[in-house]
Amino acid sequence: MLRWYGDIMLKDEIRIKFINEKLAQLKTYIKLNSHINLNDICVVSEDFFCKLLNSIFGYKLINANVLENNFKGIDLIDTNTKIVFQITVDDSADKIQTTINKFQMKLS
């Protein structure tokens, strides 16, 4: 629901809803394509989310594949702050645990 302040509709709410809708569409598009082994969008999305997260949070993330091809458990890394992300459409508990295990093995 849009909120009004006097006669002015809050534009931020419209923008947030638009961004939310587009991210939901992107998630669905990526998930559907990955189910039929069209994974090119998954690879491209790593760079998209790298730029998005850097822009929003001021990180200095890079694609971990630049450091090591098919870096285990990590897709994006900020080597200064040691912040890492994995970009995935699989949000299952098994996937999360597998990722944590891969990352821990990489550290040891």
C-alpha atoms as a PDB file:
ATOM      1  CA  MET A   1       0.000   0.000   0.000  1.00  0.00           C
ATOM      2  CA  LEU A   2       1.332   3.436  -0.888  1.00  0.00           C
ATOM      3  CA  ARG A   3       1.569   5.954   1.904  1.00  0.00           C
ATOM      4  CA  TRP A   4       0.777   9.597   1.373  1.00  0.00           C
ATOM      5  CA  TYR A   5       2.376  12.549   3.047  1.00  0.00           C
ATOM      6  CA  GLY A   6       0.081  15.413   2.322  1.00  0.00           C
ATOM      7  CA  ASP A   7      -0.358  15.372  -1.440  1.00  0.00           C
ATOM      8  CA  ILE A   8       2.990  13.728  -2.142  1.00  0.00           C
ATOM      9  CA  MET A   9       3.250   9.969  -2.598  1.00  0.00           C
ATOM     10  CA  LEU A  10       6.446   8.622  -1.102  1.00  0.00           C
ATOM     11  CA  LYS A  11       8.598   7.851  -4.138  1.00  0.00           C
ATOM     12  CA  ASP A  12      10.988   5.707  -2.117  1.00  0.00           C
ATOM     13  CA  GLU A  13       8.250   3.170  -1.496  1.00  0.00           C
ATOM     14  CA  ILE A  14       7.545   2.948  -5.219  1.00  0.00           C
ATOM     15  CA  ARG A  15      11.243   2.500  -5.958  1.00  0.00           C
ATOM     16  CA  ILE A  16      11.656  -0.180  -3.288  1.00  0.00           C
ATOM     17  CA  LYS A  17       8.658  -2.107  -4.588  1.00  0.00           C
ATOM     18  CA  PHE A  18       9.980  -1.854  -8.155  1.00  0.00           C
ATOM     19  CA  ILE A  19      13.430  -3.129  -7.147  1.00  0.00           C
ATOM     20  CA  ASN A  20      11.886  -5.918  -5.069  1.00  0.00           C
ATOM     21  CA  GLU A  21       9.706  -6.996  -7.990  1.00  0.00           C
ATOM     22  CA  LYS A  22      12.632  -7.027 -10.435  1.00  0.00           C
ATOM     23  CA  LEU A  23      14.848  -9.013  -8.048  1.00  0.00           C
ATOM     24  CA  ALA A  24      12.029 -11.544  -7.557  1.00  0.00           C
ATOM     25  CA  GLN A  25      11.669 -11.856 -11.336  1.00  0.00           C
ATOM     26  CA  LEU A  26      15.424 -12.327 -11.697  1.00  0.00           C
ATOM     27  CA  LYS A  27      15.424 -15.035  -9.016  1.00  0.00           C
ATOM     28  CA  THR A  28      12.594 -16.888 -10.758  1.00  0.00           C
ATOM     29  CA  TYR A  29      14.268 -16.557 -14.158  1.00  0.00           C
ATOM     30  CA  ILE A  30      17.588 -17.874 -12.828  1.00  0.00           C
ATOM     31  CA  LYS A  31      15.929 -20.725 -10.917  1.00  0.00           C
ATOM     32  CA  LEU A  32      13.861 -21.862 -13.904  1.00  0.00           C
ATOM     33  CA  ASN A  33      16.875 -21.761 -16.218  1.00  0.00           C
ATOM     34  CA  SER A  34      19.085 -23.638 -13.788  1.00  0.00           C
ATOM     35  CA  HIS A  35      16.495 -26.439 -13.560  1.00  0.00           C
ATOM     36  CA  ILE A  36      16.949 -27.073 -17.285  1.00  0.00           C
ATOM     37  CA  ASN A  37      20.753 -26.723 -17.129  1.00  0.00           C
ATOM     38  CA  LEU A  38      20.886 -23.273 -18.703  1.00  0.00           C
ATOM     39  CA  ASN A  39      23.430 -22.001 -16.212  1.00  0.00           C
ATOM     40  CA  ASP A  40      24.963 -19.109 -18.125  1.00  0.00           C
ATOM     41  CA  ILE A  41      22.687 -16.690 -16.257  1.00  0.00           C
ATOM     42  CA  CYS A  42      23.976 -18.110 -12.969  1.00  0.00           C
ATOM     43  CA  VAL A  43      27.535 -17.188 -13.943  1.00  0.00           C
ATOM     44  CA  VAL A  44      26.504 -13.739 -15.184  1.00  0.00           C
ATOM     45  CA  SER A  45      24.507 -13.113 -12.015  1.00  0.00           C
ATOM     46  CA  GLU A  46      27.662 -13.452  -9.888  1.00  0.00           C
ATOM     47  CA  ASP A  47      29.072 -10.301 -11.486  1.00  0.00           C
ATOM     48  CA  PHE A  48      25.699  -8.534 -11.295  1.00  0.00           C
ATOM     49  CA  PHE A  49      25.365  -9.191  -7.565  1.00  0.00           C
ATOM     50  CA  CYS A  50      29.010  -8.281  -7.033  1.00  0.00           C
ATOM     51  CA  LYS A  51      28.339  -4.820  -8.468  1.00  0.00           C
ATOM     52  CA  LEU A  52      25.014  -4.520  -6.635  1.00  0.00           C
ATOM     53  CA  LEU A  53      26.461  -5.415  -3.215  1.00  0.00           C
ATOM     54  CA  ASN A  54      29.468  -3.146  -3.767  1.00  0.00           C
ATOM     55  CA  SER A  55      27.154  -0.293  -4.671  1.00  0.00           C
ATOM     56  CA  ILE A  56      24.784  -0.783  -1.749  1.00  0.00           C
ATOM     57  CA  PHE A  57      27.264  -1.608   1.009  1.00  0.00           C
ATOM     58  CA  GLY A  58      30.498  -0.068  -0.233  1.00  0.00           C
ATOM     59  CA  TYR A  59      32.310  -3.416  -0.350  1.00  0.00           C
ATOM     60  CA  LYS A  60      35.208  -4.076  -2.675  1.00  0.00           C
ATOM     61  CA  LEU A  61      33.986  -7.522  -3.722  1.00  0.00           C
ATOM     62  CA  ILE A  62      35.496  -9.325  -6.675  1.00  0.00           C
ATOM     63  CA  ASN A  63      34.469 -12.541  -8.344  1.00  0.00           C
ATOM     64  CA  ALA A  64      36.428 -15.291  -6.556  1.00  0.00           C
ATOM     65  CA  ASN A  65      36.990 -17.030  -9.889  1.00  0.00           C
ATOM     66  CA  VAL A  66      39.521 -14.285 -10.640  1.00  0.00           C
ATOM     67  CA  LEU A  67      41.617 -15.593  -7.736  1.00  0.00           C
ATOM     68  CA  GLU A  68      41.032 -19.289  -8.391  1.00  0.00           C
ATOM     69  CA  ASN A  69      38.951 -20.946 -11.087  1.00  0.00           C
ATOM     70  CA  ASN A  70      35.773 -22.402  -9.560  1.00  0.00           C
ATOM     71  CA  PHE A  71      36.666 -21.268  -6.043  1.00  0.00           C
ATOM     72  CA  LYS A  72      35.096 -23.784  -3.638  1.00  0.00           C
ATOM     73  CA  GLY A  73      32.167 -22.458  -1.613  1.00  0.00           C
ATOM     74  CA  ILE A  74      32.719 -18.782  -2.460  1.00  0.00           C
ATOM     75  CA  ASP A  75      31.598 -16.685  -5.411  1.00  0.00           C
ATOM     76  CA  LEU A  76      32.421 -13.166  -4.232  1.00  0.00           C
ATOM     77  CA  ILE A  77      35.162 -12.022  -1.889  1.00  0.00           C
ATOM     78  CA  ASP A  78      36.371  -8.754  -0.431  1.00  0.00           C
ATOM     79  CA  THR A  79      39.982  -9.547   0.424  1.00  0.00           C
ATOM     80  CA  ASN A  80      40.360  -6.451   2.615  1.00  0.00           C
ATOM     81  CA  THR A  81      37.393  -7.059   4.919  1.00  0.00           C
ATOM     82  CA  LYS A  82      37.334 -10.874   4.481  1.00  0.00           C
ATOM     83  CA  ILE A  83      33.635 -10.753   3.577  1.00  0.00           C
ATOM     84  CA  VAL A  84      32.483 -13.527   1.253  1.00  0.00           C
ATOM     85  CA  PHE A  85      29.262 -14.455  -0.530  1.00  0.00           C
ATOM     86  CA  GLN A  86      27.999 -17.436  -2.429  1.00  0.00           C
ATOM     87  CA  ILE A  87      25.496 -16.599  -5.139  1.00  0.00           C
ATOM     88  CA  THR A  88      23.078 -19.498  -5.559  1.00  0.00           C
ATOM     89  CA  VAL A  89      19.437 -20.261  -6.275  1.00  0.00           C
ATOM     90  CA  ASP A  90      19.524 -23.249  -3.933  1.00  0.00           C
ATOM     91  CA  ASP A  91      18.634 -22.048  -0.439  1.00  0.00           C
ATOM     92  CA  SER A  92      18.188 -25.501   1.066  1.00  0.00           C
ATOM     93  CA  ALA A  93      19.754 -26.431   4.397  1.00  0.00           C
ATOM     94  CA  ASP A  94      21.881 -29.058   2.628  1.00  0.00           C
ATOM     95  CA  LYS A  95      23.302 -26.479   0.205  1.00  0.00           C
ATOM     96  CA  ILE A  96      24.084 -24.065   3.027  1.00  0.00           C
ATOM     97  CA  GLN A  97      25.826 -26.772   5.071  1.00  0.00           C
ATOM     98  CA  THR A  98      27.761 -28.020   2.035  1.00  0.00           C
ATOM     99  CA  THR A  99      28.930 -24.491   1.330  1.00  0.00           C
ATOM    100  CA  ILE A 100      30.053 -23.989   4.927  1.00  0.00           C
ATOM    101  CA  ASN A 101      31.921 -27.310   4.829  1.00  0.00           C
ATOM    102  CA  LYS A 102      33.680 -26.409   1.557  1.00  0.00           C
ATOM    103  CA  PHE A 103      34.647 -23.025   2.936  1.00  0.00           C
ATOM    104  CA  GLN A 104      36.002 -24.531   6.164  1.00  0.00           C
ATOM    105  CA  MET A 105      38.026 -27.112   4.210  1.00  0.00           C
ATOM    106  CA  LYS A 106      39.419 -24.277   2.063  1.00  0.00           C
ATOM    107  CA  LEU A 107      40.576 -22.451   5.212  1.00  0.00           C
ATOM    108  CA  SER A 108      42.340 -25.480   6.691  1.00  0.00           C
END
